[in-house]
Amino acid sequence: MKQRFSFIPLLIAIVGCTSAKIPSTLGDSSNASSYGYHPIDPLPAWIENKEDRDLDNSIILGAMSDETIRLAIGEVTAEGTLKFGTTSVGKAHHSYVVILDYIKYSTDFFRVEYDQGNPSEFTVLPRYEKSNVENSYDPIIRTVDEGDAVVPVYVGVGLRLTASFTANKNGVDLGNLFAISAQASSNQITGTLTVQTLGISGDNISSVIPMPSEINPTTIQNAILALGTIKAKLYDEKTIITPRAVGVYNYIGGSSKTINKFVSSILKERPKLTVY
């Protein structure tokens, strides 16, 4: 039972205390508007089974050596893309997305090469040789030593709570999910709430996921309780664990254009989770 409840107070401490600060790391989106950690919709990844072991949840999850919780705040630009940054106070008639991520992960990477004539442009270098086996899920790895930069890709599983809304007045508090829910109740914002699992599924998981229709204090509380319950089921035999690419760390710049290139690269050549 300890494992079941350990996640809940941590989440409440993060989203319920305006005075508490989230620890800063190199991957935090709060470090710059275009740089840092960017959550992405879960994308395909594959498992490299080094020792040809019989894999179960304990072994797969054991290969994900890191865990973190991050709060990312993004503003929807005029082009319809997300710009993550340090904004904590919303402006009237502007749209925002606040994402609370719990991820358990390992780190893969891909390399990029800058255009010498235009340093703001870059090409993602291929990481694998093409396999001759049709629909092969075990591509032949090719070490790519050339390139100008290495981009980390977070491969693992996780839980995501996303609040998408439009501010109806200036001064909306974006850094506190409970404050956001209260502001929704008073019509200061209008929006929706999404609860999402990243690479975690199964009958025992589907029955726990809530179906919030709007943002309010009750849906926020129910969502946080559900996330804590799901986290406690990670190692259950009935839980299906499927590693996914869940985020990237951008230190190249370029905002959404760069992230779109990263996503395109991941879709072309799936990152891997290495299991020894």
C-alpha atoms as a PDB file:
ATOM      1  CA  MET A   1       0.000   0.000   0.000  1.00  0.00           C
ATOM      2  CA  LYS A   2       2.943   2.372   0.508  1.00  0.00           C
ATOM      3  CA  GLN A   3       3.673   2.395  -3.195  1.00  0.00           C
ATOM      4  CA  ARG A   4       0.084   3.264  -4.015  1.00  0.00           C
ATOM      5  CA  PHE A   5       0.091   6.484  -1.994  1.00  0.00           C
ATOM      6  CA  SER A   6       3.676   7.662  -2.457  1.00  0.00           C
ATOM      7  CA  PHE A   7       2.874   9.382  -5.757  1.00  0.00           C
ATOM      8  CA  ILE A   8      -0.179  11.333  -4.544  1.00  0.00           C
ATOM      9  CA  PRO A   9       1.398  13.633  -1.918  1.00  0.00           C
ATOM     10  CA  LEU A  10       4.259  14.389  -4.276  1.00  0.00           C
ATOM     11  CA  LEU A  11       1.846  15.551  -6.965  1.00  0.00           C
ATOM     12  CA  ILE A  12      -0.195  17.563  -4.497  1.00  0.00           C
ATOM     13  CA  ALA A  13       2.973  19.206  -3.218  1.00  0.00           C
ATOM     14  CA  ILE A  14       3.889  20.224  -6.747  1.00  0.00           C
ATOM     15  CA  VAL A  15       0.556  21.543  -7.934  1.00  0.00           C
ATOM     16  CA  GLY A  16      -0.961  22.699  -4.651  1.00  0.00           C
ATOM     17  CA  CYS A  17       1.719  24.982  -3.218  1.00  0.00           C
ATOM     18  CA  THR A  18       2.354  28.237  -4.994  1.00  0.00           C
ATOM     19  CA  SER A  19       5.419  28.852  -2.840  1.00  0.00           C
ATOM     20  CA  ALA A  20       7.095  25.553  -3.719  1.00  0.00           C
ATOM     21  CA  LYS A  21       9.512  25.517  -6.636  1.00  0.00           C
ATOM     22  CA  ILE A  22      10.104  22.578  -8.937  1.00  0.00           C
ATOM     23  CA  PRO A  23      13.791  21.605  -8.913  1.00  0.00           C
ATOM     24  CA  SER A  24      15.557  23.020 -11.947  1.00  0.00           C
ATOM     25  CA  THR A  25      17.386  20.607 -14.243  1.00  0.00           C
ATOM     26  CA  LEU A  26      19.002  20.964 -17.649  1.00  0.00           C
ATOM     27  CA  GLY A  27      15.920  19.429 -19.238  1.00  0.00           C
ATOM     28  CA  ASP A  28      13.411  21.836 -17.705  1.00  0.00           C
ATOM     29  CA  SER A  29      11.492  23.949 -20.196  1.00  0.00           C
ATOM     30  CA  SER A  30      11.650  26.820 -17.676  1.00  0.00           C
ATOM     31  CA  ASN A  31      15.279  27.415 -18.610  1.00  0.00           C
ATOM     32  CA  ALA A  32      14.460  29.083 -21.947  1.00  0.00           C
ATOM     33  CA  SER A  33      11.623  29.645 -24.366  1.00  0.00           C
ATOM     34  CA  SER A  34      12.940  27.352 -27.094  1.00  0.00           C
ATOM     35  CA  TYR A  35      15.383  25.184 -25.198  1.00  0.00           C
ATOM     36  CA  GLY A  36      15.039  22.388 -22.665  1.00  0.00           C
ATOM     37  CA  TYR A  37      12.617  19.564 -22.020  1.00  0.00           C
ATOM     38  CA  HIS A  38       9.710  19.201 -24.439  1.00  0.00           C
ATOM     39  CA  PRO A  39       7.003  16.601 -23.785  1.00  0.00           C
ATOM     40  CA  ILE A  40       5.787  14.936 -26.977  1.00  0.00           C
ATOM     41  CA  ASP A  41       2.887  12.636 -27.748  1.00  0.00           C
ATOM     42  CA  PRO A  42       4.119   9.060 -27.202  1.00  0.00           C
ATOM     43  CA  LEU A  43       5.907   7.733 -30.287  1.00  0.00           C
ATOM     44  CA  PRO A  44       7.062   4.194 -31.177  1.00  0.00           C
ATOM     45  CA  ALA A  45      10.272   2.817 -29.683  1.00  0.00           C
ATOM     46  CA  TRP A  46      11.831  -0.642 -29.666  1.00  0.00           C
ATOM     47  CA  ILE A  47      13.602  -2.859 -27.142  1.00  0.00           C
ATOM     48  CA  GLU A  48      17.179  -3.988 -27.758  1.00  0.00           C
ATOM     49  CA  ASN A  49      17.420  -7.222 -25.736  1.00  0.00           C
ATOM     50  CA  LYS A  50      21.193  -7.557 -25.290  1.00  0.00           C
ATOM     51  CA  GLU A  51      21.139 -10.868 -23.418  1.00  0.00           C
ATOM     52  CA  ASP A  52      18.075 -12.413 -25.115  1.00  0.00           C
ATOM     53  CA  ARG A  53      16.326 -12.526 -21.752  1.00  0.00           C
ATOM     54  CA  ASP A  54      12.704 -13.483 -21.181  1.00  0.00           C
ATOM     55  CA  LEU A  55      11.284 -10.033 -20.630  1.00  0.00           C
ATOM     56  CA  ASP A  56       8.702  -9.177 -18.014  1.00  0.00           C
ATOM     57  CA  ASN A  57       7.564  -5.868 -16.540  1.00  0.00           C
ATOM     58  CA  SER A  58      10.215  -5.925 -13.823  1.00  0.00           C
ATOM     59  CA  ILE A  59      13.070  -6.339 -16.324  1.00  0.00           C
ATOM     60  CA  ILE A  60      11.730  -3.767 -18.792  1.00  0.00           C
ATOM     61  CA  LEU A  61      11.030  -1.192 -16.095  1.00  0.00           C
ATOM     62  CA  GLY A  62      14.411  -1.934 -14.532  1.00  0.00           C
ATOM     63  CA  ALA A  63      16.047  -0.759 -17.757  1.00  0.00           C
ATOM     64  CA  MET A  64      14.418   2.643 -17.191  1.00  0.00           C
ATOM     65  CA  SER A  65      16.835   3.902 -14.581  1.00  0.00           C
ATOM     66  CA  ASP A  66      15.500   7.443 -14.170  1.00  0.00           C
ATOM     67  CA  GLU A  67      12.237   8.912 -12.903  1.00  0.00           C
ATOM     68  CA  THR A  68      11.100  12.520 -12.871  1.00  0.00           C
ATOM     69  CA  ILE A  69       8.075  14.766 -12.587  1.00  0.00           C
ATOM     70  CA  ARG A  70       8.014  17.944 -14.651  1.00  0.00           C
ATOM     71  CA  LEU A  71       5.545  20.773 -15.069  1.00  0.00           C
ATOM     72  CA  ALA A  72       5.698  22.348 -18.548  1.00  0.00           C
ATOM     73  CA  ILE A  73       3.773  25.496 -19.483  1.00  0.00           C
ATOM     74  CA  GLY A  74       3.216  26.249 -23.161  1.00  0.00           C
ATOM     75  CA  GLU A  75       1.485  29.079 -24.998  1.00  0.00           C
ATOM     76  CA  VAL A  76      -0.358  28.366 -28.235  1.00  0.00           C
ATOM     77  CA  THR A  77       1.107  30.674 -30.887  1.00  0.00           C
ATOM     78  CA  ALA A  78      -0.720  32.333 -33.769  1.00  0.00           C
ATOM     79  CA  GLU A  79       0.539  29.493 -35.985  1.00  0.00           C
ATOM     80  CA  GLY A  80      -1.161  26.942 -33.718  1.00  0.00           C
ATOM     81  CA  THR A  81       2.089  25.539 -32.315  1.00  0.00           C
ATOM     82  CA  LEU A  82       3.203  25.343 -28.684  1.00  0.00           C
ATOM     83  CA  LYS A  83       5.922  27.599 -27.288  1.00  0.00           C
ATOM     84  CA  PHE A  84       7.210  26.338 -23.942  1.00  0.00           C
ATOM     85  CA  GLY A  85       8.827  28.862 -21.658  1.00  0.00           C
ATOM     86  CA  THR A  86       8.908  30.657 -18.332  1.00  0.00           C
ATOM     87  CA  THR A  87       5.421  32.200 -18.501  1.00  0.00           C
ATOM     88  CA  SER A  88       3.500  31.772 -15.250  1.00  0.00           C
ATOM     89  CA  VAL A  89       0.805  34.440 -15.697  1.00  0.00           C
ATOM     90  CA  GLY A  90      -1.691  34.255 -18.535  1.00  0.00           C
ATOM     91  CA  LYS A  91      -3.015  37.071 -20.715  1.00  0.00           C
ATOM     92  CA  ALA A  92      -6.632  37.562 -21.737  1.00  0.00           C
ATOM     93  CA  HIS A  93      -7.679  35.791 -24.961  1.00  0.00           C
ATOM     94  CA  HIS A  94      -4.436  33.807 -25.122  1.00  0.00           C
ATOM     95  CA  SER A  95      -4.476  29.997 -25.129  1.00  0.00           C
ATOM     96  CA  TYR A  96      -2.224  27.833 -22.960  1.00  0.00           C
ATOM     97  CA  VAL A  97      -1.372  24.216 -22.218  1.00  0.00           C
ATOM     98  CA  VAL A  98      -0.098  23.123 -18.806  1.00  0.00           C
ATOM     99  CA  ILE A  99       1.378  19.611 -18.791  1.00  0.00           C
ATOM    100  CA  LEU A 100       2.249  17.642 -15.665  1.00  0.00           C
ATOM    101  CA  ASP A 101       4.483  14.689 -16.594  1.00  0.00           C
ATOM    102  CA  TYR A 102       5.613  11.704 -14.584  1.00  0.00           C
ATOM    103  CA  ILE A 103       8.043   9.625 -16.645  1.00  0.00           C
ATOM    104  CA  LYS A 104      10.205   6.576 -15.908  1.00  0.00           C
ATOM    105  CA  TYR A 105      12.777   6.434 -18.666  1.00  0.00           C
ATOM    106  CA  SER A 106      16.168   5.777 -20.148  1.00  0.00           C
ATOM    107  CA  THR A 107      17.880   8.087 -22.615  1.00  0.00           C
ATOM    108  CA  ASP A 108      18.618   7.392 -26.270  1.00  0.00           C
ATOM    109  CA  PHE A 109      19.840   9.977 -28.777  1.00  0.00           C
ATOM    110  CA  PHE A 110      20.203  11.007 -32.378  1.00  0.00           C
ATOM    111  CA  ARG A 111      22.774  13.242 -34.043  1.00  0.00           C
ATOM    112  CA  VAL A 112      22.282  16.386 -36.087  1.00  0.00           C
ATOM    113  CA  GLU A 113      24.484  18.201 -38.561  1.00  0.00           C
ATOM    114  CA  TYR A 114      24.265  21.965 -39.013  1.00  0.00           C
ATOM    115  CA  ASP A 115      24.012  23.649 -42.389  1.00  0.00           C
ATOM    116  CA  GLN A 116      27.310  25.499 -42.677  1.00  0.00           C
ATOM    117  CA  GLY A 117      25.698  28.244 -44.738  1.00  0.00           C
ATOM    118  CA  ASN A 118      22.792  28.667 -42.325  1.00  0.00           C
ATOM    119  CA  PRO A 119      23.550  27.559 -38.743  1.00  0.00           C
ATOM    120  CA  SER A 120      19.863  27.770 -37.798  1.00  0.00           C
ATOM    121  CA  GLU A 121      19.130  24.887 -40.201  1.00  0.00           C
ATOM    122  CA  PHE A 122      20.157  21.309 -39.503  1.00  0.00           C
ATOM    123  CA  THR A 123      19.795  17.755 -40.778  1.00  0.00           C
ATOM    124  CA  VAL A 124      19.062  14.740 -38.591  1.00  0.00           C
ATOM    125  CA  LEU A 125      21.576  12.002 -39.403  1.00  0.00           C
ATOM    126  CA  PRO A 126      20.375   8.390 -39.829  1.00  0.00           C
ATOM    127  CA  ARG A 127      21.156   6.039 -36.956  1.00  0.00           C
ATOM    128  CA  TYR A 128      20.404   2.656 -38.514  1.00  0.00           C
ATOM    129  CA  GLU A 129      21.202   0.762 -41.645  1.00  0.00           C
ATOM    130  CA  LYS A 130      18.109  -0.361 -43.501  1.00  0.00           C
ATOM    131  CA  SER A 131      17.142  -3.920 -42.661  1.00  0.00           C
ATOM    132  CA  ASN A 132      16.538  -6.332 -45.539  1.00  0.00           C
ATOM    133  CA  VAL A 133      13.802  -8.022 -43.510  1.00  0.00           C
ATOM    134  CA  GLU A 134      10.394  -6.580 -44.327  1.00  0.00           C
ATOM    135  CA  ASN A 135       8.646  -5.010 -41.332  1.00  0.00           C
ATOM    136  CA  SER A 136      11.679  -5.838 -39.199  1.00  0.00           C
ATOM    137  CA  TYR A 137      11.485  -4.621 -35.616  1.00  0.00           C
ATOM    138  CA  ASP A 138      15.187  -5.240 -35.034  1.00  0.00           C
ATOM    139  CA  PRO A 139      17.072  -2.774 -37.254  1.00  0.00           C
ATOM    140  CA  ILE A 140      20.821  -3.096 -37.685  1.00  0.00           C
ATOM    141  CA  ILE A 141      22.485  -0.432 -35.567  1.00  0.00           C
ATOM    142  CA  ARG A 142      25.009   1.781 -37.323  1.00  0.00           C
ATOM    143  CA  THR A 143      27.212   3.933 -35.118  1.00  0.00           C
ATOM    144  CA  VAL A 144      27.170   7.517 -36.372  1.00  0.00           C
ATOM    145  CA  ASP A 145      30.231   9.367 -35.102  1.00  0.00           C
ATOM    146  CA  GLU A 146      29.903  12.382 -37.360  1.00  0.00           C
ATOM    147  CA  GLY A 147      27.594  15.295 -36.654  1.00  0.00           C
ATOM    148  CA  ASP A 148      27.652  18.536 -34.716  1.00  0.00           C
ATOM    149  CA  ALA A 149      25.282  17.815 -31.831  1.00  0.00           C
ATOM    150  CA  VAL A 150      23.628  14.946 -29.967  1.00  0.00           C
ATOM    151  CA  VAL A 151      19.934  15.274 -29.084  1.00  0.00           C
ATOM    152  CA  PRO A 152      18.682  13.233 -26.092  1.00  0.00           C
ATOM    153  CA  VAL A 153      15.408  11.321 -26.491  1.00  0.00           C
ATOM    154  CA  TYR A 154      13.595  10.053 -23.400  1.00  0.00           C
ATOM    155  CA  VAL A 155      12.365   6.473 -23.896  1.00  0.00           C
ATOM    156  CA  GLY A 156      10.137   4.900 -21.284  1.00  0.00           C
ATOM    157  CA  VAL A 157       6.647   5.036 -19.831  1.00  0.00           C
ATOM    158  CA  GLY A 158       4.730   7.628 -17.899  1.00  0.00           C
ATOM    159  CA  LEU A 159       1.584   9.468 -16.949  1.00  0.00           C
ATOM    160  CA  ARG A 160       0.450  12.849 -18.221  1.00  0.00           C
ATOM    161  CA  LEU A 161      -2.110  15.354 -17.028  1.00  0.00           C
ATOM    162  CA  THR A 162      -2.819  18.135 -19.547  1.00  0.00           C
ATOM    163  CA  ALA A 163      -4.921  21.248 -19.002  1.00  0.00           C
ATOM    164  CA  SER A 164      -5.728  23.119 -22.256  1.00  0.00           C
ATOM    165  CA  PHE A 165      -7.528  26.420 -21.887  1.00  0.00           C
ATOM    166  CA  THR A 166      -8.034  30.033 -22.970  1.00  0.00           C
ATOM    167  CA  ALA A 167      -7.696  32.879 -20.467  1.00  0.00           C
ATOM    168  CA  ASN A 168     -10.711  35.183 -20.262  1.00  0.00           C
ATOM    169  CA  LYS A 169      -8.853  37.828 -18.250  1.00  0.00           C
ATOM    170  CA  ASN A 170      -5.319  39.007 -17.506  1.00  0.00           C
ATOM    171  CA  GLY A 171      -3.351  37.651 -14.564  1.00  0.00           C
ATOM    172  CA  VAL A 172      -4.412  33.998 -14.724  1.00  0.00           C
ATOM    173  CA  ASP A 173      -2.137  31.786 -12.602  1.00  0.00           C
ATOM    174  CA  LEU A 174      -0.617  29.141 -14.914  1.00  0.00           C
ATOM    175  CA  GLY A 175       1.775  27.469 -12.454  1.00  0.00           C
ATOM    176  CA  ASN A 176      -0.743  25.816 -10.143  1.00  0.00           C
ATOM    177  CA  LEU A 177      -3.240  23.218 -11.356  1.00  0.00           C
ATOM    178  CA  PHE A 178      -5.557  23.750  -8.396  1.00  0.00           C
ATOM    179  CA  ALA A 179      -5.554  27.507  -9.028  1.00  0.00           C
ATOM    180  CA  ILE A 180      -6.329  26.800 -12.690  1.00  0.00           C
ATOM    181  CA  SER A 181      -9.285  24.633 -11.672  1.00  0.00           C
ATOM    182  CA  ALA A 182     -10.600  27.352  -9.344  1.00  0.00           C
ATOM    183  CA  GLN A 183     -10.273  29.932 -12.100  1.00  0.00           C
ATOM    184  CA  ALA A 184     -12.224  27.639 -14.417  1.00  0.00           C
ATOM    185  CA  SER A 185     -15.017  27.454 -11.832  1.00  0.00           C
ATOM    186  CA  SER A 186     -15.174  31.262 -11.739  1.00  0.00           C
ATOM    187  CA  ASN A 187     -15.148  31.507 -15.568  1.00  0.00           C
ATOM    188  CA  GLN A 188     -11.755  33.212 -15.662  1.00  0.00           C
ATOM    189  CA  ILE A 189     -10.644  30.470 -18.061  1.00  0.00           C
ATOM    190  CA  THR A 190     -12.368  27.936 -20.300  1.00  0.00           C
ATOM    191  CA  GLY A 191     -10.805  24.656 -21.308  1.00  0.00           C
ATOM    192  CA  THR A 192     -10.484  20.907 -21.030  1.00  0.00           C
ATOM    193  CA  LEU A 193      -8.544  18.360 -18.995  1.00  0.00           C
ATOM    194  CA  THR A 194      -6.858  15.247 -20.404  1.00  0.00           C
ATOM    195  CA  VAL A 195      -5.476  12.249 -18.514  1.00  0.00           C
ATOM    196  CA  GLN A 196      -3.075  10.118 -20.561  1.00  0.00           C
ATOM    197  CA  THR A 197      -0.929   7.037 -20.032  1.00  0.00           C
ATOM    198  CA  LEU A 198       2.338   6.760 -21.953  1.00  0.00           C
ATOM    199  CA  GLY A 199       3.176   3.151 -22.771  1.00  0.00           C
ATOM    200  CA  ILE A 200       1.044   1.804 -19.900  1.00  0.00           C
ATOM    201  CA  SER A 201      -2.108  -0.173 -20.720  1.00  0.00           C
ATOM    202  CA  GLY A 202      -4.230  -3.183 -19.783  1.00  0.00           C
ATOM    203  CA  ASP A 203      -7.671  -3.964 -18.394  1.00  0.00           C
ATOM    204  CA  ASN A 204      -6.554  -2.996 -14.893  1.00  0.00           C
ATOM    205  CA  ILE A 205      -5.397   0.394 -16.198  1.00  0.00           C
ATOM    206  CA  SER A 206      -8.345   1.263 -18.452  1.00  0.00           C
ATOM    207  CA  SER A 207     -10.786   0.846 -15.583  1.00  0.00           C
ATOM    208  CA  VAL A 208      -8.919   3.443 -13.508  1.00  0.00           C
ATOM    209  CA  ILE A 209      -8.548   6.235 -16.066  1.00  0.00           C
ATOM    210  CA  PRO A 210     -11.108   8.989 -15.378  1.00  0.00           C
ATOM    211  CA  MET A 211     -13.075  10.727 -18.113  1.00  0.00           C
ATOM    212  CA  PRO A 212     -13.020  14.434 -17.198  1.00  0.00           C
ATOM    213  CA  SER A 213     -15.251  16.661 -19.321  1.00  0.00           C
ATOM    214  CA  GLU A 214     -14.045  19.993 -17.968  1.00  0.00           C
ATOM    215  CA  ILE A 215     -11.566  21.642 -15.635  1.00  0.00           C
ATOM    216  CA  ASN A 216     -12.755  22.034 -12.065  1.00  0.00           C
ATOM    217  CA  PRO A 217     -11.413  21.161  -8.577  1.00  0.00           C
ATOM    218  CA  THR A 218     -13.164  17.772  -8.568  1.00  0.00           C
ATOM    219  CA  THR A 219     -11.782  16.613 -11.926  1.00  0.00           C
ATOM    220  CA  ILE A 220      -8.280  17.757 -10.963  1.00  0.00           C
ATOM    221  CA  GLN A 221      -8.425  15.843  -7.685  1.00  0.00           C
ATOM    222  CA  ASN A 222      -9.865  12.713  -9.316  1.00  0.00           C
ATOM    223  CA  ALA A 223      -7.213  12.828 -12.032  1.00  0.00           C
ATOM    224  CA  ILE A 224      -4.363  13.052  -9.504  1.00  0.00           C
ATOM    225  CA  LEU A 225      -5.777  10.150  -7.486  1.00  0.00           C
ATOM    226  CA  ALA A 226      -6.101   8.088 -10.674  1.00  0.00           C
ATOM    227  CA  LEU A 227      -2.483   8.800 -11.650  1.00  0.00           C
ATOM    228  CA  GLY A 228      -1.317   7.615  -8.230  1.00  0.00           C
ATOM    229  CA  THR A 229      -3.328   4.407  -8.569  1.00  0.00           C
ATOM    230  CA  ILE A 230      -1.978   3.713 -12.065  1.00  0.00           C
ATOM    231  CA  LYS A 231       1.619   4.292 -10.942  1.00  0.00           C
ATOM    232  CA  ALA A 232       1.122   1.692  -8.203  1.00  0.00           C
ATOM    233  CA  LYS A 233       0.133  -0.851 -10.872  1.00  0.00           C
ATOM    234  CA  LEU A 234       3.255  -0.502 -13.038  1.00  0.00           C
ATOM    235  CA  TYR A 235       4.739  -3.817 -11.893  1.00  0.00           C
ATOM    236  CA  ASP A 236       1.473  -5.785 -11.937  1.00  0.00           C
ATOM    237  CA  GLU A 237       1.477  -8.846 -14.202  1.00  0.00           C
ATOM    238  CA  LYS A 238      -1.724  -7.636 -15.874  1.00  0.00           C
ATOM    239  CA  THR A 239      -0.181  -4.286 -16.792  1.00  0.00           C
ATOM    240  CA  ILE A 240       1.143  -4.048 -20.352  1.00  0.00           C
ATOM    241  CA  ILE A 241       4.380  -2.049 -20.585  1.00  0.00           C
ATOM    242  CA  THR A 242       5.311  -0.723 -24.041  1.00  0.00           C
ATOM    243  CA  PRO A 243       8.311   1.653 -24.074  1.00  0.00           C
ATOM    244  CA  ARG A 244       7.614   4.868 -25.965  1.00  0.00           C
ATOM    245  CA  ALA A 245       9.487   8.039 -26.878  1.00  0.00           C
ATOM    246  CA  VAL A 246       7.888  10.515 -24.463  1.00  0.00           C
ATOM    247  CA  GLY A 247      10.075  13.614 -24.627  1.00  0.00           C
ATOM    248  CA  VAL A 248      13.142  15.291 -26.103  1.00  0.00           C
ATOM    249  CA  TYR A 249      15.686  17.787 -24.847  1.00  0.00           C
ATOM    250  CA  ASN A 250      16.158  20.669 -27.269  1.00  0.00           C
ATOM    251  CA  TYR A 251      19.352  22.707 -26.945  1.00  0.00           C
ATOM    252  CA  ILE A 252      19.460  23.636 -30.635  1.00  0.00           C
ATOM    253  CA  GLY A 253      16.698  26.272 -30.504  1.00  0.00           C
ATOM    254  CA  GLY A 254      14.164  26.993 -33.198  1.00  0.00           C
ATOM    255  CA  SER A 255      11.083  26.225 -31.096  1.00  0.00           C
ATOM    256  CA  SER A 256       8.295  24.245 -32.777  1.00  0.00           C
ATOM    257  CA  LYS A 257      10.111  23.904 -36.111  1.00  0.00           C
ATOM    258  CA  THR A 258      12.948  22.096 -34.386  1.00  0.00           C
ATOM    259  CA  ILE A 259      10.632  19.857 -32.374  1.00  0.00           C
ATOM    260  CA  ASN A 260       8.741  18.917 -35.543  1.00  0.00           C
ATOM    261  CA  LYS A 261      12.034  17.773 -37.103  1.00  0.00           C
ATOM    262  CA  PHE A 262      12.808  15.746 -33.995  1.00  0.00           C
ATOM    263  CA  VAL A 263       9.386  14.066 -34.112  1.00  0.00           C
ATOM    264  CA  SER A 264       9.801  13.313 -37.814  1.00  0.00           C
ATOM    265  CA  SER A 265      13.174  11.690 -37.109  1.00  0.00           C
ATOM    266  CA  ILE A 266      11.720   9.539 -34.323  1.00  0.00           C
ATOM    267  CA  LEU A 267       8.920   8.351 -36.597  1.00  0.00           C
ATOM    268  CA  LYS A 268      11.428   7.411 -39.310  1.00  0.00           C
ATOM    269  CA  GLU A 269      13.884   5.658 -36.996  1.00  0.00           C
ATOM    270  CA  ARG A 270      12.526   4.582 -33.654  1.00  0.00           C
ATOM    271  CA  PRO A 271      14.721   5.166 -30.591  1.00  0.00           C
ATOM    272  CA  LYS A 272      15.555   2.165 -28.427  1.00  0.00           C
ATOM    273  CA  LEU A 273      15.439   0.996 -24.845  1.00  0.00           C
ATOM    274  CA  THR A 274      18.446  -1.211 -24.123  1.00  0.00           C
ATOM    275  CA  VAL A 275      17.870  -4.163 -21.771  1.00  0.00           C
ATOM    276  CA  TYR A 276      20.894  -6.073 -20.427  1.00  0.00           C
END
